[in-house]
Protein backbone atom coordinates (compact mmCIF):
# COMPACT_ATOMS: atom_id res chain seq x y z
CA UNK A 1 -57.90 3.92 -5.10
CA UNK A 2 -54.92 4.65 -7.40
CA UNK A 3 -54.43 7.97 -9.20
CA UNK A 4 -51.99 7.95 -12.10
CA UNK A 5 -49.43 10.78 -11.64
CA UNK A 6 -49.23 13.40 -14.40
CA UNK A 7 -47.12 16.46 -15.04
CA UNK A 8 -47.98 19.07 -17.69
CA UNK A 9 -46.06 22.19 -18.72
CA UNK A 10 -48.19 25.01 -20.16
CA UNK A 11 -46.47 28.03 -21.75
CA UNK A 12 -48.78 31.00 -22.31
CA UNK A 13 -48.19 34.77 -22.47
CA UNK A 14 -44.62 34.55 -21.11
CA UNK A 15 -45.97 32.63 -18.15
CA UNK A 16 -45.36 29.02 -17.32
CA UNK A 17 -47.88 26.91 -15.48
CA UNK A 18 -47.04 23.47 -14.21
CA UNK A 19 -50.03 21.26 -13.52
CA UNK A 20 -49.33 18.31 -11.29
CA UNK A 21 -52.01 15.73 -10.72
CA UNK A 22 -52.54 12.24 -9.40
CA UNK A 23 -50.54 10.44 -6.75
CA UNK A 24 -46.94 11.58 -6.08
CA UNK A 25 -45.82 8.98 -3.58
CA UNK A 26 -43.06 6.43 -3.00
CA UNK A 27 -44.94 3.66 -4.84
CA UNK A 28 -44.94 5.82 -7.99
CA UNK A 29 -41.28 6.84 -7.63
CA UNK A 30 -39.89 4.90 -10.60
CA UNK A 31 -42.55 6.21 -12.97
CA UNK A 32 -42.14 9.78 -11.66
CA UNK A 33 -38.37 9.77 -12.23
CA UNK A 34 -38.86 8.73 -15.86
CA UNK A 35 -41.65 11.28 -16.22
CA UNK A 36 -39.51 14.19 -15.01
CA UNK A 37 -36.53 13.11 -17.11
CA UNK A 38 -38.66 13.13 -20.26
CA UNK A 39 -40.42 16.39 -19.46
CA UNK A 40 -39.16 19.62 -21.05
CA UNK A 41 -37.93 22.16 -18.53
CA UNK A 42 -39.73 25.53 -18.51
CA UNK A 43 -37.94 28.32 -20.37
CA UNK A 44 -38.97 31.13 -17.98
CA UNK A 45 -37.82 31.68 -14.42
CA UNK A 46 -41.28 32.58 -13.08
CA UNK A 47 -43.29 29.42 -12.50
CA UNK A 48 -46.84 28.83 -11.28
CA UNK A 49 -47.45 25.36 -9.87
CA UNK A 50 -51.10 24.30 -9.94
CA UNK A 51 -51.81 21.61 -7.33
CA UNK A 52 -55.57 21.52 -7.84
CA UNK A 53 -55.66 17.90 -9.06
CA UNK A 54 -52.90 16.60 -6.76
CA UNK A 55 -54.41 13.62 -4.95
CA UNK A 56 -51.51 12.46 -2.82
CA UNK A 57 -48.01 13.65 -1.87
CA UNK A 58 -45.39 12.15 0.43
CA UNK A 59 -41.72 12.89 1.13
CA UNK A 60 -40.50 11.04 -1.98
CA UNK A 61 -42.76 13.03 -4.29
CA UNK A 62 -41.89 16.31 -2.55
CA UNK A 63 -38.18 15.51 -2.92
CA UNK A 64 -38.57 14.93 -6.66
CA UNK A 65 -40.52 18.17 -7.11
CA UNK A 66 -37.96 20.11 -5.09
CA UNK A 67 -35.13 18.73 -7.22
CA UNK A 68 -37.00 19.66 -10.40
CA UNK A 69 -37.72 23.21 -9.18
CA UNK A 70 -34.19 23.96 -7.98
CA UNK A 71 -32.80 26.95 -9.89
CA UNK A 72 -36.11 28.73 -10.37
CA UNK A 73 -36.07 31.89 -8.27
CA UNK A 74 -39.77 32.83 -8.68
CA UNK A 75 -41.97 29.91 -7.78
CA UNK A 76 -45.61 30.14 -6.67
CA UNK A 77 -47.91 27.32 -5.65
CA UNK A 78 -51.66 27.68 -6.20
CA UNK A 79 -54.55 25.48 -5.12
CA UNK A 80 -52.25 23.66 -2.68
CA UNK A 81 -53.41 22.45 0.70
CA UNK A 82 -51.56 23.66 3.82
CA UNK A 83 -50.23 20.13 4.33
CA UNK A 84 -48.76 20.08 0.80
CA UNK A 85 -47.12 23.49 1.22
CA UNK A 86 -45.69 22.50 4.60
CA UNK A 87 -44.24 19.25 3.25
CA UNK A 88 -42.65 20.96 0.23
CA UNK A 89 -41.15 23.66 2.43
CA UNK A 90 -39.75 21.12 4.89
CA UNK A 91 -38.11 19.08 2.14
CA UNK A 92 -36.70 22.27 0.61
CA UNK A 93 -35.14 23.31 3.92
CA UNK A 94 -33.32 20.01 4.36
CA UNK A 95 -32.50 19.22 0.75
CA UNK A 96 -28.77 19.45 0.02
CA UNK A 97 -28.84 18.17 -3.55
CA UNK A 98 -27.23 20.31 -6.24
CA UNK A 99 -29.39 22.22 -8.67
CA UNK A 100 -30.66 20.63 -11.87
CA UNK A 101 -27.98 22.50 -13.82
CA UNK A 102 -25.35 20.95 -11.59
CA UNK A 103 -26.94 17.52 -12.10
CA UNK A 104 -26.97 17.94 -15.86
CA UNK A 105 -23.37 19.18 -16.05
CA UNK A 106 -21.55 18.84 -12.71
CA UNK A 107 -18.82 21.34 -11.94
CA UNK A 108 -15.50 19.67 -11.22
CA UNK A 109 -13.27 20.86 -8.43
CA UNK A 110 -10.19 22.77 -9.39
CA UNK A 111 -6.91 20.96 -9.84
CA UNK A 112 -5.68 22.36 -6.54
CA UNK A 113 -8.69 21.01 -4.66
CA UNK A 114 -8.33 17.67 -6.42
CA UNK A 115 -4.68 17.51 -5.38
CA UNK A 116 -5.48 18.44 -1.78
CA UNK A 117 -8.29 15.89 -1.64
CA UNK A 118 -6.02 13.18 -3.03
CA UNK A 119 -3.26 14.17 -0.61
CA UNK A 120 -5.69 14.02 2.29
CA UNK A 121 -6.90 10.56 1.29
CA UNK A 122 -3.34 9.28 0.99
CA UNK A 123 -2.44 10.80 4.37
CA UNK A 124 -5.40 9.16 6.08
CA UNK A 125 -4.66 5.83 4.39
CA UNK A 126 -0.98 6.02 5.38
CA UNK A 127 -1.91 6.90 8.97
CA UNK A 128 -4.24 3.91 9.22
CA UNK A 129 -1.62 1.58 7.73
CA UNK A 130 1.03 2.92 10.10
CA UNK A 131 -1.21 2.37 13.13
CA UNK A 132 -2.05 -1.15 12.00
CA UNK A 133 1.62 -1.96 11.43
CA UNK A 134 2.48 -0.52 14.85
CA UNK A 135 -0.21 -2.71 16.42
CA UNK A 136 1.16 -5.71 14.49
CA UNK A 137 4.67 -4.95 15.75
CA UNK A 138 3.36 -4.76 19.32
CA UNK A 139 1.62 -8.11 18.97
CA UNK A 140 4.84 -9.69 17.67
CA UNK A 141 6.76 -8.32 20.67
CA UNK A 142 4.07 -9.59 23.03
CA UNK A 143 4.08 -13.08 21.52
CA UNK A 144 7.88 -13.17 21.49
CA UNK A 145 7.89 -12.37 25.19
CA UNK A 146 5.52 -15.28 25.81
CA UNK A 147 7.92 -17.67 24.06
CA UNK A 148 10.73 -16.63 26.40
CA UNK A 149 8.74 -17.97 29.37
CA UNK A 150 7.17 -20.87 27.45
CA UNK A 151 9.78 -21.95 24.88
CA UNK A 152 8.11 -25.35 24.33
CA UNK A 153 5.32 -23.55 22.46
CA UNK A 154 7.69 -22.44 19.70
CA UNK A 155 7.41 -24.46 16.47
CA UNK A 156 10.96 -25.57 15.80
CA UNK A 157 9.93 -27.64 12.75
CA UNK A 158 8.59 -24.50 11.06
CA UNK A 159 11.80 -22.67 11.97
CA UNK A 160 14.03 -25.27 10.30
CA UNK A 161 11.73 -25.40 7.29
CA UNK A 162 12.01 -21.66 6.71
CA UNK A 163 15.75 -21.71 7.39
CA UNK A 164 16.06 -24.15 4.52
CA UNK A 165 13.65 -22.27 2.23
CA UNK A 166 14.95 -18.75 2.91
CA UNK A 167 18.57 -19.55 3.69
CA UNK A 168 19.88 -22.65 1.96
CA UNK A 169 17.86 -22.21 -1.23
CA UNK A 170 18.96 -18.57 -1.52
CA UNK A 171 22.67 -19.47 -1.50
CA UNK A 172 23.10 -19.96 -5.28
CA UNK A 173 21.54 -16.66 -6.37
CA UNK A 174 23.19 -14.67 -3.58
CA UNK A 175 26.58 -16.24 -4.29
CA UNK A 176 26.36 -15.65 -8.04
CA UNK A 177 25.35 -12.00 -7.69
CA UNK A 178 28.04 -11.30 -5.10
CA UNK A 179 30.72 -13.03 -7.18
CA UNK A 180 29.83 -10.90 -10.21
CA UNK A 181 29.69 -7.73 -8.12
CA UNK A 182 33.21 -8.44 -6.88
CA UNK A 183 34.40 -8.73 -10.48
CA UNK A 184 32.66 -5.50 -11.44
CA UNK A 185 34.10 -3.57 -8.48
CA UNK A 186 37.65 -4.63 -9.32
CA UNK A 187 37.21 -3.95 -13.03
CA UNK A 188 35.78 -0.47 -12.54
CA UNK A 189 38.02 0.42 -9.60
CA UNK A 190 41.27 -0.62 -11.22
CA UNK A 191 40.41 1.24 -14.40
CA UNK A 192 40.00 4.47 -12.43
CA UNK A 193 42.91 4.00 -10.01
CA UNK A 194 45.33 3.12 -12.82
CA UNK A 195 45.29 6.78 -13.87
CA UNK A 196 46.96 7.66 -10.57
CA UNK A 197 49.27 4.66 -10.41
CA UNK A 198 47.41 3.27 -7.40
CA UNK A 199 46.07 -0.01 -8.75
CA UNK A 200 47.03 -1.82 -5.56
CA UNK A 201 44.36 0.11 -3.68
CA UNK A 202 41.72 -1.66 -5.76
CA UNK A 203 41.88 -4.36 -3.10
CA UNK A 204 41.05 -1.77 -0.43
CA UNK A 205 38.15 -0.51 -2.53
CA UNK A 206 36.84 -4.04 -2.97
CA UNK A 207 37.16 -4.95 0.70
CA UNK A 208 35.54 -1.83 2.10
CA UNK A 209 32.75 -1.69 -0.49
CA UNK A 210 31.86 -5.36 -0.31
CA UNK A 211 32.14 -5.86 3.45
CA UNK A 212 30.57 -2.63 4.64
CA UNK A 213 27.84 -1.92 2.07
CA UNK A 214 27.47 -3.86 -1.17
CA UNK A 215 27.45 -7.38 0.25
CA UNK A 216 24.70 -6.92 2.82
CA UNK A 217 22.71 -4.45 0.74
CA UNK A 218 22.44 -6.67 -2.32
CA UNK A 219 21.76 -9.72 -0.18
CA UNK A 220 18.95 -7.93 1.64
CA UNK A 221 17.42 -6.77 -1.66
CA UNK A 222 17.54 -10.30 -3.07
CA UNK A 223 15.99 -11.71 0.10
CA UNK A 224 13.28 -9.01 0.08
CA UNK A 225 12.33 -9.90 -3.47
CA UNK A 226 12.54 -13.63 -2.85
CA UNK A 227 11.49 -14.37 0.72
CA UNK A 228 9.47 -11.22 1.51
CA UNK A 229 7.21 -11.73 -1.50
CA UNK A 230 6.89 -15.44 -0.67
CA UNK A 231 5.74 -14.64 2.87
CA UNK A 232 3.06 -12.29 1.55
CA UNK A 233 1.80 -14.70 -1.10
CA UNK A 234 1.75 -17.71 1.24
CA UNK A 235 -0.08 -15.99 4.08
CA UNK A 236 -2.34 -14.15 1.64
CA UNK A 237 -3.59 -17.34 -0.01
CA UNK A 238 -4.01 -18.95 3.40
CA UNK A 239 -6.24 -16.06 4.35
CA UNK A 240 -8.25 -16.33 1.13
CA UNK A 241 -8.70 -20.07 1.70
CA UNK A 242 -9.90 -19.33 5.26
CA UNK A 243 -7.06 -21.39 6.72
CA UNK A 244 -6.23 -18.57 9.12
CA UNK A 245 -9.87 -18.49 10.27
CA UNK A 246 -9.66 -22.23 10.86
CA UNK A 247 -6.54 -21.69 13.01
CA UNK A 248 -8.37 -19.15 15.13
CA UNK A 249 -11.33 -21.52 15.55
CA UNK A 250 -8.91 -24.24 16.71
CA UNK A 251 -7.44 -21.85 19.29
CA UNK A 252 -4.17 -21.23 17.44
CA UNK A 253 -2.73 -17.76 17.13
CA UNK A 254 -1.72 -16.89 13.53
CA UNK A 255 1.16 -14.74 14.75
CA UNK A 256 2.66 -17.63 16.70
CA UNK A 257 2.10 -20.20 13.97
CA UNK A 258 2.84 -18.19 10.80
CA UNK A 259 4.72 -15.00 11.62
CA UNK A 260 7.25 -15.67 14.36
CA UNK A 261 8.92 -18.72 12.74
CA UNK A 262 9.36 -16.77 9.50
CA UNK A 263 10.83 -13.74 11.26
CA UNK A 264 13.24 -15.75 13.39
CA UNK A 265 14.34 -17.89 10.45
CA UNK A 266 15.13 -14.83 8.34
CA UNK A 267 16.91 -13.10 11.23
CA UNK A 268 19.19 -16.15 11.50
CA UNK A 269 19.59 -16.75 7.76
CA UNK A 270 20.36 -13.25 6.51
CA UNK A 271 23.60 -12.72 8.52
CA UNK A 272 24.84 -16.08 7.25
CA UNK A 273 23.91 -15.16 3.70
CA UNK A 274 25.63 -11.79 4.13
CA UNK A 275 28.82 -13.50 5.28
CA UNK A 276 28.64 -15.86 2.31
CA UNK A 277 28.03 -12.90 -0.03
CA UNK A 278 31.10 -11.11 1.36
CA UNK A 279 33.27 -14.15 0.77
CA UNK A 280 31.99 -14.61 -2.78
CA UNK A 281 32.54 -10.92 -3.58
CA UNK A 282 36.13 -11.17 -2.34
CA UNK A 283 36.63 -14.37 -4.34
CA UNK A 284 35.36 -12.70 -7.50
CA UNK A 285 37.57 -9.70 -6.81
CA UNK A 286 40.62 -11.88 -6.19
CA UNK A 287 40.03 -13.68 -9.46
CA UNK A 288 39.72 -10.41 -11.36
CA UNK A 289 42.83 -8.86 -9.78
CA UNK A 290 44.89 -11.83 -10.89
CA UNK A 291 43.93 -11.09 -14.51
CA UNK A 292 43.88 -7.30 -14.54
CA UNK A 293 46.61 -6.44 -12.03
CA UNK A 294 48.70 -9.60 -12.29
CA UNK A 295 48.40 -9.86 -8.51
CA UNK A 296 49.05 -13.22 -6.89
CA UNK A 297 46.76 -14.67 -4.28
CA UNK A 298 49.35 -14.12 -1.54
CA UNK A 299 49.74 -10.44 -2.46
CA UNK A 300 45.95 -10.07 -2.60
CA UNK A 301 45.53 -11.57 0.88
CA UNK A 302 48.35 -9.43 2.25
CA UNK A 303 46.79 -6.23 0.94
CA UNK A 304 43.40 -7.42 2.13
CA UNK A 305 44.70 -7.83 5.71
CA UNK A 306 46.11 -4.30 5.59
CA UNK A 307 42.82 -2.80 4.40
CA UNK A 308 40.41 -4.65 6.67
CA UNK A 309 39.84 -3.46 10.21
CA UNK A 310 37.67 -5.34 12.72
CA UNK A 311 34.70 -3.02 12.23
CA UNK A 312 34.96 -3.21 8.44
CA UNK A 313 33.46 -6.69 8.60
CA UNK A 314 31.12 -6.23 11.54
CA UNK A 315 29.44 -3.08 10.24
CA UNK A 316 27.89 -5.15 7.46
CA UNK A 317 26.96 -8.10 9.64
CA UNK A 318 25.33 -5.89 12.30
CA UNK A 319 22.86 -4.57 9.72
CA UNK A 320 21.74 -8.04 8.63
CA UNK A 321 19.41 -8.98 11.54
CA UNK A 322 17.75 -5.56 11.44
CA UNK A 323 17.16 -5.79 7.69
CA UNK A 324 15.87 -9.34 8.08
CA UNK A 325 13.43 -8.43 10.82
CA UNK A 326 11.79 -5.63 8.85
CA UNK A 327 11.71 -7.62 5.59
CA UNK A 328 9.89 -10.48 7.32
CA UNK A 329 7.68 -8.06 9.26
CA UNK A 330 6.49 -6.28 6.12
CA UNK A 331 6.04 -9.55 4.21
CA UNK A 332 3.85 -11.10 6.91
CA UNK A 333 1.95 -7.86 7.57
CA UNK A 334 1.00 -7.42 3.92
CA UNK A 335 0.02 -11.07 3.72
CA UNK A 336 -2.43 -10.70 6.60
CA UNK A 337 -3.97 -7.65 4.87
CA UNK A 338 -4.95 -9.64 1.78
CA UNK A 339 -8.69 -9.76 1.12
CA UNK A 340 -11.00 -10.36 -1.79
CA UNK A 341 -9.20 -12.46 -4.38
CA UNK A 342 -6.05 -13.16 -6.37
CA UNK A 343 -5.77 -9.52 -7.43
CA UNK A 344 -5.36 -8.50 -3.80
CA UNK A 345 -2.59 -11.10 -3.39
CA UNK A 346 -0.70 -9.64 -6.33
CA UNK A 347 -1.18 -6.06 -5.13
CA UNK A 348 0.01 -6.75 -1.58
CA UNK A 349 2.91 -8.89 -2.80
CA UNK A 350 4.09 -5.99 -4.95
CA UNK A 351 3.68 -3.58 -2.06
CA UNK A 352 5.63 -5.94 0.19
CA UNK A 353 8.63 -6.05 -2.14
CA UNK A 354 8.63 -2.31 -2.83
CA UNK A 355 8.26 -1.35 0.82
CA UNK A 356 10.90 -3.84 1.95
CA UNK A 357 13.51 -2.65 -0.55
CA UNK A 358 12.73 0.99 0.22
CA UNK A 359 13.04 0.39 3.97
CA UNK A 360 16.30 -1.55 3.50
CA UNK A 361 17.83 1.39 1.63
CA UNK A 362 16.60 3.86 4.26
CA UNK A 363 17.96 1.74 7.10
CA UNK A 364 21.28 1.34 5.29
CA UNK A 365 21.55 5.12 4.98
CA UNK A 366 20.69 5.46 8.69
CA UNK A 367 23.41 2.96 9.68
CA UNK A 368 25.95 4.72 7.45
CA UNK A 369 25.27 8.02 9.18
CA UNK A 370 25.30 6.40 12.62
CA UNK A 371 28.61 4.61 12.01
CA UNK A 372 30.11 7.81 10.65
CA UNK A 373 29.09 9.70 13.79
CA UNK A 374 30.50 6.92 16.00
CA UNK A 375 33.72 6.91 13.99
CA UNK A 376 33.37 3.26 12.99
C-alpha cells in the first residue's frame, strides 16, 4: 500500500509545528526533494516535529529530514516510534553535509586557502608527472640496453626516415636563422666596439658567441619547436587511433618501435645541424664584416684563427646530443600521455614545446657554469 508523503508547516503562538506524514522512503526521494525545496522554512528556532501520521521512513528519508533540520538548535520530535527516533539520530551522527544556510549560500575559502589548495594540487600533479617521466626514462634505458645485445632488433629504416625528416628537412630553416644571426651579431658588435677603436675584435665576438652559445642554442630551440612537437602530435594521434594498442596486441613494444628511433635520429642529427648552424653564422658574419669593416676574407679568417681555441668549437657541439636526447624524450613522453581527443593532442603538443625549450635553456645555463668551473 502506498502513502503519499506530505509536509506541513504550522505557525501558531510563536511555535512552529512540522507535520510529516505518508511514506518517506527511497522510492519517494525525487518527490520529497521537490517538496522540501518548495516548502517555506520555519521562522523560529524552536521546532516541534509531529510524526503521528508518518507511515514509513528509511535512511533516504531520514537524510532529507536531517538536512532540512540542520541549523535549528531546539528540535523536538513527538509521536515518533523508537525506531524512527533511532534512525534519525543515527543519520544525524554520521551526516557531514553543511547546514541549509551553507547550501543556500556556500562560504568560499579565503584567498590564502585557495592559493594553498591550488599549490598543493600543482605539486601533486608535478610529482606524478615527474615519477612517470622517470619511469619512462628507465624504460628507454632498459630497451636501449637490450639493443646492445640484440642489435638486429633495431629498426634502421625508421632511423633513416627520422634522420631525413628531423635533420635534412631542418637544414634550410636552421641555416637561414643562423646566417641572419651572424649578420646581426656583427652589426651590433661592430657598432659598439667602434667607440673604442676595437672593430677588429668583432670577429672574436662573432666566433665565441656563435660557436659556444648562439649556434647550438638557436638550433636546439628550432628543433624543439619543429621535431619535438611533431613527435608529440604523431604519437598522440597514433594513440587516439588505437594504433599503439594494436602494436601491443601484436607483441611489439611502443618504446622500441616509436621512441628509440626518434631519439637516436635526433641525437645524431642535432650535432650535425649545430655544426652547419655555426658555419652559416660565420658566413653571415664574414659577409657583414666585408661591408661594415671593409675586412677581406683573408683578414677575417686570420682573425678567426686567432680567436678560436679547440674548446671554443667543442663546447657547443658537446651540448648538442644532450639537448637532442631531452627534446626527443619530452616529445615522445607527452605524445604517449595523449588521451581523449584532438584537444588533448594540442595541449600536450604545446606542453612538449614549452617544456623542451625551457629545459634546453636550463641545460645551457648548467653547461655554461660547468665549463666556467672547468676553465674551458
